[in-house]
Amino acid sequence: MTHGFDVTSPLVCEGIIGDGCGGGRFFLVEDETLVAYDPQTQMKIFLLDGIKNAKVVKKKTCLLTIECENEVIRFDLSALKRV
């Protein structure tokens, strides 16, 4: 456990430096909210509310995919909005 959350949780993914948007940050769902955590500044940025029954968070380039019990949510980090 680091930074107050478990980095091995399926609800946490790490942005790889050089892989597009969000390199070096952690993306996680906590309390039905998508959050970006920057370990350098130790700041959290709240990106999207209302995420119900999230199971897995994945990242590829600038697109976060949140697999929930009843839906799949895609969030574009370059536009900072749900797509």
PDB file of N, CA and C in Angstrom:
ATOM      1  N   MET A   1       0.845  -1.173   0.000  1.00  0.00           N
ATOM      2  CA  MET A   1       0.000   0.000   0.000  1.00  0.00           C
ATOM      3  C   MET A   1       0.892   1.237   0.000  1.00  0.00           C
ATOM      4  N   THR A   2       0.596   2.148  -0.901  1.00  0.00           N
ATOM      5  CA  THR A   2       1.358   3.393  -0.982  1.00  0.00           C
ATOM      6  C   THR A   2       0.402   4.518  -1.337  1.00  0.00           C
ATOM      7  N   HIS A   3       0.681   5.704  -0.931  1.00  0.00           N
ATOM      8  CA  HIS A   3      -0.122   6.876  -1.267  1.00  0.00           C
ATOM      9  C   HIS A   3      -1.550   6.793  -0.738  1.00  0.00           C
ATOM     10  N   GLY A   4      -1.827   5.864   0.184  1.00  0.00           N
ATOM     11  CA  GLY A   4      -3.173   5.736   0.727  1.00  0.00           C
ATOM     12  C   GLY A   4      -4.080   4.822  -0.069  1.00  0.00           C
ATOM     13  N   PHE A   5      -3.558   4.155  -1.100  1.00  0.00           N
ATOM     14  CA  PHE A   5      -4.358   3.188  -1.863  1.00  0.00           C
ATOM     15  C   PHE A   5      -3.455   2.042  -2.300  1.00  0.00           C
ATOM     16  N   ASP A   6      -4.075   0.931  -2.622  1.00  0.00           N
ATOM     17  CA  ASP A   6      -3.366  -0.283  -3.004  1.00  0.00           C
ATOM     18  C   ASP A   6      -3.103  -0.265  -4.509  1.00  0.00           C
ATOM     19  N   VAL A   7      -1.856  -0.109  -4.915  1.00  0.00           N
ATOM     20  CA  VAL A   7      -1.521  -0.020  -6.346  1.00  0.00           C
ATOM     21  C   VAL A   7      -1.752  -1.339  -7.088  1.00  0.00           C
ATOM     22  N   THR A   8      -1.963  -2.444  -6.364  1.00  0.00           N
ATOM     23  CA  THR A   8      -2.240  -3.723  -7.027  1.00  0.00           C
ATOM     24  C   THR A   8      -3.739  -3.976  -7.197  1.00  0.00           C
ATOM     25  N   SER A   9      -4.558  -3.063  -6.728  1.00  0.00           N
ATOM     26  CA  SER A   9      -6.009  -3.199  -6.854  1.00  0.00           C
ATOM     27  C   SER A   9      -6.417  -3.101  -8.320  1.00  0.00           C
ATOM     28  N   PRO A  10      -7.454  -3.841  -8.744  1.00  0.00           N
ATOM     29  CA  PRO A  10      -7.942  -3.700 -10.118  1.00  0.00           C
ATOM     30  C   PRO A  10      -8.583  -2.338 -10.377  1.00  0.00           C
ATOM     31  N   LEU A  11      -8.837  -1.569  -9.313  1.00  0.00           N
ATOM     32  CA  LEU A  11      -9.415  -0.234  -9.474  1.00  0.00           C
ATOM     33  C   LEU A  11      -8.348   0.852  -9.527  1.00  0.00           C
ATOM     34  N   VAL A  12      -7.083   0.447  -9.679  1.00  0.00           N
ATOM     35  CA  VAL A  12      -5.966   1.382  -9.781  1.00  0.00           C
ATOM     36  C   VAL A  12      -5.129   1.000 -11.003  1.00  0.00           C
ATOM     37  N   CYS A  13      -4.754   1.989 -11.809  1.00  0.00           N
ATOM     38  CA  CYS A  13      -3.795   1.733 -12.880  1.00  0.00           C
ATOM     39  C   CYS A  13      -2.808   2.890 -12.921  1.00  0.00           C
ATOM     40  N   GLU A  14      -1.634   2.607 -13.427  1.00  0.00           N
ATOM     41  CA  GLU A  14      -0.569   3.600 -13.462  1.00  0.00           C
ATOM     42  C   GLU A  14      -0.330   4.062 -14.887  1.00  0.00           C
ATOM     43  N   GLY A  15      -0.230   5.371 -15.066  1.00  0.00           N
ATOM     44  CA  GLY A  15       0.120   5.931 -16.362  1.00  0.00           C
ATOM     45  C   GLY A  15       1.612   5.780 -16.593  1.00  0.00           C
ATOM     46  N   ILE A  16       1.992   5.166 -17.687  1.00  0.00           N
ATOM     47  CA  ILE A  16       3.391   4.938 -18.022  1.00  0.00           C
ATOM     48  C   ILE A  16       3.949   6.181 -18.717  1.00  0.00           C
ATOM     49  N   ILE A  17       5.087   6.655 -18.276  1.00  0.00           N
ATOM     50  CA  ILE A  17       5.718   7.821 -18.893  1.00  0.00           C
ATOM     51  C   ILE A  17       6.063   7.499 -20.346  1.00  0.00           C
ATOM     52  N   GLY A  18       5.640   8.362 -21.249  1.00  0.00           N
ATOM     53  CA  GLY A  18       5.875   8.159 -22.678  1.00  0.00           C
ATOM     54  C   GLY A  18       4.736   7.444 -23.386  1.00  0.00           C
ATOM     55  N   ASP A  19       3.686   7.080 -22.643  1.00  0.00           N
ATOM     56  CA  ASP A  19       2.552   6.342 -23.210  1.00  0.00           C
ATOM     57  C   ASP A  19       1.377   7.273 -23.510  1.00  0.00           C
ATOM     58  N   GLY A  20       1.628   8.531 -23.699  1.00  0.00           N
ATOM     59  CA  GLY A  20       0.529   9.462 -23.954  1.00  0.00           C
ATOM     60  C   GLY A  20       0.243  10.285 -22.714  1.00  0.00           C
ATOM     61  N   CYS A  21      -1.007  10.503 -22.451  1.00  0.00           N
ATOM     62  CA  CYS A  21      -1.441  11.363 -21.347  1.00  0.00           C
ATOM     63  C   CYS A  21      -1.266  10.687 -19.988  1.00  0.00           C
ATOM     64  N   GLY A  22      -0.960  11.486 -18.988  1.00  0.00           N
ATOM     65  CA  GLY A  22      -0.976  11.001 -17.609  1.00  0.00           C
ATOM     66  C   GLY A  22       0.193  10.157 -17.184  1.00  0.00           C
ATOM     67  N   GLY A  23       1.299  10.217 -17.876  1.00  0.00           N
ATOM     68  CA  GLY A  23       2.463   9.424 -17.497  1.00  0.00           C
ATOM     69  C   GLY A  23       2.943   9.756 -16.095  1.00  0.00           C
ATOM     70  N   GLY A  24       3.183   8.737 -15.296  1.00  0.00           N
ATOM     71  CA  GLY A  24       3.672   8.926 -13.943  1.00  0.00           C
ATOM     72  C   GLY A  24       2.587   9.126 -12.906  1.00  0.00           C
ATOM     73  N   ARG A  25       1.345   9.216 -13.342  1.00  0.00           N
ATOM     74  CA  ARG A  25       0.227   9.376 -12.406  1.00  0.00           C
ATOM     75  C   ARG A  25      -0.489   8.047 -12.214  1.00  0.00           C
ATOM     76  N   PHE A  26      -1.213   7.958 -11.117  1.00  0.00           N
ATOM     77  CA  PHE A  26      -2.077   6.815 -10.864  1.00  0.00           C
ATOM     78  C   PHE A  26      -3.515   7.250 -11.113  1.00  0.00           C
ATOM     79  N   PHE A  27      -4.293   6.355 -11.686  1.00  0.00           N
ATOM     80  CA  PHE A  27      -5.712   6.603 -11.922  1.00  0.00           C
ATOM     81  C   PHE A  27      -6.483   5.549 -11.145  1.00  0.00           C
ATOM     82  N   LEU A  28      -7.479   5.990 -10.390  1.00  0.00           N
ATOM     83  CA  LEU A  28      -8.207   5.057  -9.544  1.00  0.00           C
ATOM     84  C   LEU A  28      -9.643   5.512  -9.371  1.00  0.00           C
ATOM     85  N   VAL A  29     -10.472   4.543  -9.014  1.00  0.00           N
ATOM     86  CA  VAL A  29     -11.850   4.833  -8.653  1.00  0.00           C
ATOM     87  C   VAL A  29     -11.948   4.647  -7.151  1.00  0.00           C
ATOM     88  N   GLU A  30     -12.357   5.727  -6.469  1.00  0.00           N
ATOM     89  CA  GLU A  30     -12.591   5.650  -5.037  1.00  0.00           C
ATOM     90  C   GLU A  30     -13.872   6.413  -4.733  1.00  0.00           C
ATOM     91  N   ASP A  31     -14.730   5.779  -3.956  1.00  0.00           N
ATOM     92  CA  ASP A  31     -16.021   6.396  -3.583  1.00  0.00           C
ATOM     93  C   ASP A  31     -16.795   6.869  -4.809  1.00  0.00           C
ATOM     94  N   GLU A  32     -16.867   6.030  -5.844  1.00  0.00           N
ATOM     95  CA  GLU A  32     -17.619   6.291  -7.078  1.00  0.00           C
ATOM     96  C   GLU A  32     -17.095   7.492  -7.871  1.00  0.00           C
ATOM     97  N   THR A  33     -15.817   7.836  -7.676  1.00  0.00           N
ATOM     98  CA  THR A  33     -15.207   8.963  -8.387  1.00  0.00           C
ATOM     99  C   THR A  33     -13.890   8.532  -9.018  1.00  0.00           C
ATOM    100  N   LEU A  34     -13.700   8.911 -10.289  1.00  0.00           N
ATOM    101  CA  LEU A  34     -12.430   8.691 -10.968  1.00  0.00           C
ATOM    102  C   LEU A  34     -11.467   9.791 -10.535  1.00  0.00           C
ATOM    103  N   VAL A  35     -10.290   9.370 -10.057  1.00  0.00           N
ATOM    104  CA  VAL A  35      -9.313  10.285  -9.495  1.00  0.00           C
ATOM    105  C   VAL A  35      -7.967  10.058 -10.172  1.00  0.00           C
ATOM    106  N   ALA A  36      -7.249  11.152 -10.427  1.00  0.00           N
ATOM    107  CA  ALA A  36      -5.851  11.079 -10.853  1.00  0.00           C
ATOM    108  C   ALA A  36      -5.000  11.512  -9.669  1.00  0.00           C
ATOM    109  N   TYR A  37      -3.982  10.710  -9.356  1.00  0.00           N
ATOM    110  CA  TYR A  37      -3.090  11.039  -8.246  1.00  0.00           C
ATOM    111  C   TYR A  37      -1.688  11.243  -8.798  1.00  0.00           C
ATOM    112  N   ASP A  38      -1.096  12.374  -8.496  1.00  0.00           N
ATOM    113  CA  ASP A  38       0.259  12.687  -8.929  1.00  0.00           C
ATOM    114  C   ASP A  38       1.200  12.479  -7.741  1.00  0.00           C
ATOM    115  N   PRO A  39       2.058  11.444  -7.779  1.00  0.00           N
ATOM    116  CA  PRO A  39       2.935  11.178  -6.642  1.00  0.00           C
ATOM    117  C   PRO A  39       4.006  12.250  -6.425  1.00  0.00           C
ATOM    118  N   GLN A  40       4.336  13.023  -7.455  1.00  0.00           N
ATOM    119  CA  GLN A  40       5.342  14.076  -7.280  1.00  0.00           C
ATOM    120  C   GLN A  40       4.807  15.227  -6.437  1.00  0.00           C
ATOM    121  N   THR A  41       3.578  15.646  -6.718  1.00  0.00           N
ATOM    122  CA  THR A  41       2.981  16.757  -5.977  1.00  0.00           C
ATOM    123  C   THR A  41       2.107  16.278  -4.821  1.00  0.00           C
ATOM    124  N   GLN A  42       1.792  14.978  -4.817  1.00  0.00           N
ATOM    125  CA  GLN A  42       0.898  14.354  -3.844  1.00  0.00           C
ATOM    126  C   GLN A  42      -0.507  14.954  -3.897  1.00  0.00           C
ATOM    127  N   MET A  43      -0.902  15.406  -5.086  1.00  0.00           N
ATOM    128  CA  MET A  43      -2.236  15.991  -5.273  1.00  0.00           C
ATOM    129  C   MET A  43      -3.148  15.016  -5.985  1.00  0.00           C
ATOM    130  N   LYS A  44      -4.435  15.088  -5.626  1.00  0.00           N
ATOM    131  CA  LYS A  44      -5.476  14.328  -6.312  1.00  0.00           C
ATOM    132  C   LYS A  44      -6.307  15.287  -7.150  1.00  0.00           C
ATOM    133  N   ILE A  45      -6.635  14.840  -8.353  1.00  0.00           N
ATOM    134  CA  ILE A  45      -7.510  15.599  -9.237  1.00  0.00           C
ATOM    135  C   ILE A  45      -8.738  14.739  -9.491  1.00  0.00           C
ATOM    136  N   PHE A  46      -9.906  15.277  -9.230  1.00  0.00           N
ATOM    137  CA  PHE A  46     -11.154  14.541  -9.408  1.00  0.00           C
ATOM    138  C   PHE A  46     -11.634  14.741 -10.840  1.00  0.00           C
ATOM    139  N   LEU A  47     -11.804  13.618 -11.570  1.00  0.00           N
ATOM    140  CA  LEU A  47     -12.086  13.681 -12.995  1.00  0.00           C
ATOM    141  C   LEU A  47     -13.535  13.405 -13.362  1.00  0.00           C
ATOM    142  N   LEU A  48     -14.180  12.444 -12.674  1.00  0.00           N
ATOM    143  CA  LEU A  48     -15.531  12.040 -13.068  1.00  0.00           C
ATOM    144  C   LEU A  48     -16.246  11.421 -11.881  1.00  0.00           C
ATOM    145  N   ASP A  49     -17.457  11.883 -11.608  1.00  0.00           N
ATOM    146  CA  ASP A  49     -18.281  11.353 -10.520  1.00  0.00           C
ATOM    147  C   ASP A  49     -19.330  10.382 -11.048  1.00  0.00           C
ATOM    148  N   GLY A  50     -19.937   9.645 -10.144  1.00  0.00           N
ATOM    149  CA  GLY A  50     -21.075   8.791 -10.474  1.00  0.00           C
ATOM    150  C   GLY A  50     -20.720   7.455 -11.084  1.00  0.00           C
ATOM    151  N   ILE A  51     -19.567   6.919 -10.757  1.00  0.00           N
ATOM    152  CA  ILE A  51     -19.148   5.625 -11.298  1.00  0.00           C
ATOM    153  C   ILE A  51     -19.646   4.545 -10.353  1.00  0.00           C
ATOM    154  N   LYS A  52     -20.623   3.785 -10.800  1.00  0.00           N
ATOM    155  CA  LYS A  52     -21.279   2.778  -9.969  1.00  0.00           C
ATOM    156  C   LYS A  52     -20.713   1.380 -10.234  1.00  0.00           C
ATOM    157  N   ASN A  53     -20.387   0.666  -9.185  1.00  0.00           N
ATOM    158  CA  ASN A  53     -19.978  -0.745  -9.251  1.00  0.00           C
ATOM    159  C   ASN A  53     -18.791  -0.983 -10.189  1.00  0.00           C
ATOM    160  N   ALA A  54     -17.765  -0.168 -10.073  1.00  0.00           N
ATOM    161  CA  ALA A  54     -16.558  -0.336 -10.897  1.00  0.00           C
ATOM    162  C   ALA A  54     -15.849  -1.628 -10.524  1.00  0.00           C
ATOM    163  N   LYS A  55     -15.346  -2.311 -11.532  1.00  0.00           N
ATOM    164  CA  LYS A  55     -14.639  -3.584 -11.344  1.00  0.00           C
ATOM    165  C   LYS A  55     -13.163  -3.480 -11.724  1.00  0.00           C
ATOM    166  N   VAL A  56     -12.849  -2.752 -12.815  1.00  0.00           N
ATOM    167  CA  VAL A  56     -11.482  -2.679 -13.339  1.00  0.00           C
ATOM    168  C   VAL A  56     -11.263  -1.310 -13.986  1.00  0.00           C
ATOM    169  N   VAL A  57     -10.057  -0.756 -13.794  1.00  0.00           N
ATOM    170  CA  VAL A  57      -9.640   0.462 -14.485  1.00  0.00           C
ATOM    171  C   VAL A  57      -8.416   0.118 -15.331  1.00  0.00           C
ATOM    172  N   LYS A  58      -8.465   0.500 -16.620  1.00  0.00           N
ATOM    173  CA  LYS A  58      -7.354   0.249 -17.537  1.00  0.00           C
ATOM    174  C   LYS A  58      -7.033   1.540 -18.274  1.00  0.00           C
ATOM    175  N   LYS A  59      -5.779   1.657 -18.720  1.00  0.00           N
ATOM    176  CA  LYS A  59      -5.359   2.834 -19.475  1.00  0.00           C
ATOM    177  C   LYS A  59      -4.553   2.410 -20.686  1.00  0.00           C
ATOM    178  N   LYS A  60      -4.875   3.018 -21.811  1.00  0.00           N
ATOM    179  CA  LYS A  60      -4.082   2.847 -23.027  1.00  0.00           C
ATOM    180  C   LYS A  60      -3.995   4.219 -23.672  1.00  0.00           C
ATOM    181  N   THR A  61      -2.796   4.712 -23.836  1.00  0.00           N
ATOM    182  CA  THR A  61      -2.504   6.068 -24.313  1.00  0.00           C
ATOM    183  C   THR A  61      -3.326   7.065 -23.498  1.00  0.00           C
ATOM    184  N   CYS A  62      -4.188   7.844 -24.136  1.00  0.00           N
ATOM    185  CA  CYS A  62      -4.954   8.878 -23.426  1.00  0.00           C
ATOM    186  C   CYS A  62      -6.364   8.431 -23.051  1.00  0.00           C
ATOM    187  N   LEU A  63      -6.654   7.153 -23.168  1.00  0.00           N
ATOM    188  CA  LEU A  63      -8.004   6.659 -22.900  1.00  0.00           C
ATOM    189  C   LEU A  63      -8.025   5.749 -21.678  1.00  0.00           C
ATOM    190  N   LEU A  64      -8.833   6.137 -20.696  1.00  0.00           N
ATOM    191  CA  LEU A  64      -9.082   5.279 -19.539  1.00  0.00           C
ATOM    192  C   LEU A  64     -10.367   4.520 -19.798  1.00  0.00           C
ATOM    193  N   THR A  65     -10.366   3.242 -19.484  1.00  0.00           N
ATOM    194  CA  THR A  65     -11.556   2.419 -19.585  1.00  0.00           C
ATOM    195  C   THR A  65     -11.885   1.896 -18.198  1.00  0.00           C
ATOM    196  N   ILE A  66     -13.121   2.124 -17.785  1.00  0.00           N
ATOM    197  CA  ILE A  66     -13.578   1.666 -16.481  1.00  0.00           C
ATOM    198  C   ILE A  66     -14.687   0.650 -16.723  1.00  0.00           C
ATOM    199  N   GLU A  67     -14.402  -0.589 -16.394  1.00  0.00           N
ATOM    200  CA  GLU A  67     -15.386  -1.643 -16.551  1.00  0.00           C
ATOM    201  C   GLU A  67     -16.202  -1.732 -15.272  1.00  0.00           C
ATOM    202  N   CYS A  68     -17.496  -1.502 -15.410  1.00  0.00           N
ATOM    203  CA  CYS A  68     -18.414  -1.540 -14.282  1.00  0.00           C
ATOM    204  C   CYS A  68     -19.328  -2.751 -14.425  1.00  0.00           C
ATOM    205  N   GLU A  69     -20.113  -2.996 -13.407  1.00  0.00           N
ATOM    206  CA  GLU A  69     -21.018  -4.138 -13.425  1.00  0.00           C
ATOM    207  C   GLU A  69     -22.013  -4.048 -14.584  1.00  0.00           C
ATOM    208  N   ASN A  70     -22.537  -2.841 -14.869  1.00  0.00           N
ATOM    209  CA  ASN A  70     -23.594  -2.691 -15.875  1.00  0.00           C
ATOM    210  C   ASN A  70     -23.221  -1.844 -17.079  1.00  0.00           C
ATOM    211  N   GLU A  71     -21.990  -1.338 -17.141  1.00  0.00           N
ATOM    212  CA  GLU A  71     -21.594  -0.494 -18.265  1.00  0.00           C
ATOM    213  C   GLU A  71     -20.071  -0.415 -18.364  1.00  0.00           C
ATOM    214  N   VAL A  72     -19.608   0.081 -19.492  1.00  0.00           N
ATOM    215  CA  VAL A  72     -18.184   0.373 -19.690  1.00  0.00           C
ATOM    216  C   VAL A  72     -18.078   1.871 -19.935  1.00  0.00           C
ATOM    217  N   ILE A  73     -17.258   2.541 -19.133  1.00  0.00           N
ATOM    218  CA  ILE A  73     -17.076   3.985 -19.241  1.00  0.00           C
ATOM    219  C   ILE A  73     -15.706   4.248 -19.855  1.00  0.00           C
ATOM    220  N   ARG A  74     -15.675   5.154 -20.828  1.00  0.00           N
ATOM    221  CA  ARG A  74     -14.407   5.578 -21.431  1.00  0.00           C
ATOM    222  C   ARG A  74     -14.216   7.056 -21.127  1.00  0.00           C
ATOM    223  N   PHE A  75     -13.003   7.393 -20.663  1.00  0.00           N
ATOM    224  CA  PHE A  75     -12.680   8.774 -20.307  1.00  0.00           C
ATOM    225  C   PHE A  75     -11.426   9.185 -21.050  1.00  0.00           C
ATOM    226  N   ASP A  76     -11.534  10.256 -21.829  1.00  0.00           N
ATOM    227  CA  ASP A  76     -10.422  10.761 -22.631  1.00  0.00           C
ATOM    228  C   ASP A  76      -9.621  11.760 -21.791  1.00  0.00           C
ATOM    229  N   LEU A  77      -8.384  11.403 -21.466  1.00  0.00           N
ATOM    230  CA  LEU A  77      -7.544  12.270 -20.642  1.00  0.00           C
ATOM    231  C   LEU A  77      -7.095  13.523 -21.371  1.00  0.00           C
ATOM    232  N   SER A  78      -6.999  13.491 -22.689  1.00  0.00           N
ATOM    233  CA  SER A  78      -6.588  14.682 -23.430  1.00  0.00           C
ATOM    234  C   SER A  78      -7.698  15.718 -23.460  1.00  0.00           C
ATOM    235  N   ALA A  79      -8.945  15.274 -23.492  1.00  0.00           N
ATOM    236  CA  ALA A  79     -10.086  16.185 -23.506  1.00  0.00           C
ATOM    237  C   ALA A  79     -10.697  16.377 -22.111  1.00  0.00           C
ATOM    238  N   LEU A  80     -10.266  15.533 -21.160  1.00  0.00           N
ATOM    239  CA  LEU A  80     -10.789  15.535 -19.785  1.00  0.00           C
ATOM    240  C   LEU A  80     -12.307  15.422 -19.758  1.00  0.00           C
ATOM    241  N   LYS A  81     -12.823  14.443 -20.555  1.00  0.00           N
ATOM    242  CA  LYS A  81     -14.251  14.197 -20.557  1.00  0.00           C
ATOM    243  C   LYS A  81     -14.567  12.765 -20.942  1.00  0.00           C
ATOM    244  N   ARG A  82     -15.749  12.369 -20.576  1.00  0.00           N
ATOM    245  CA  ARG A  82     -16.252  11.049 -20.937  1.00  0.00           C
ATOM    246  C   ARG A  82     -16.571  11.013 -22.423  1.00  0.00           C
ATOM    247  N   VAL A  83     -16.209   9.897 -23.059  1.00  0.00           N
ATOM    248  CA  VAL A  83     -16.488   9.765 -24.503  1.00  0.00           C
ATOM    249  C   VAL A  83     -17.339   8.551 -24.763  1.00  0.00           C
TER     250      VAL A  83
END
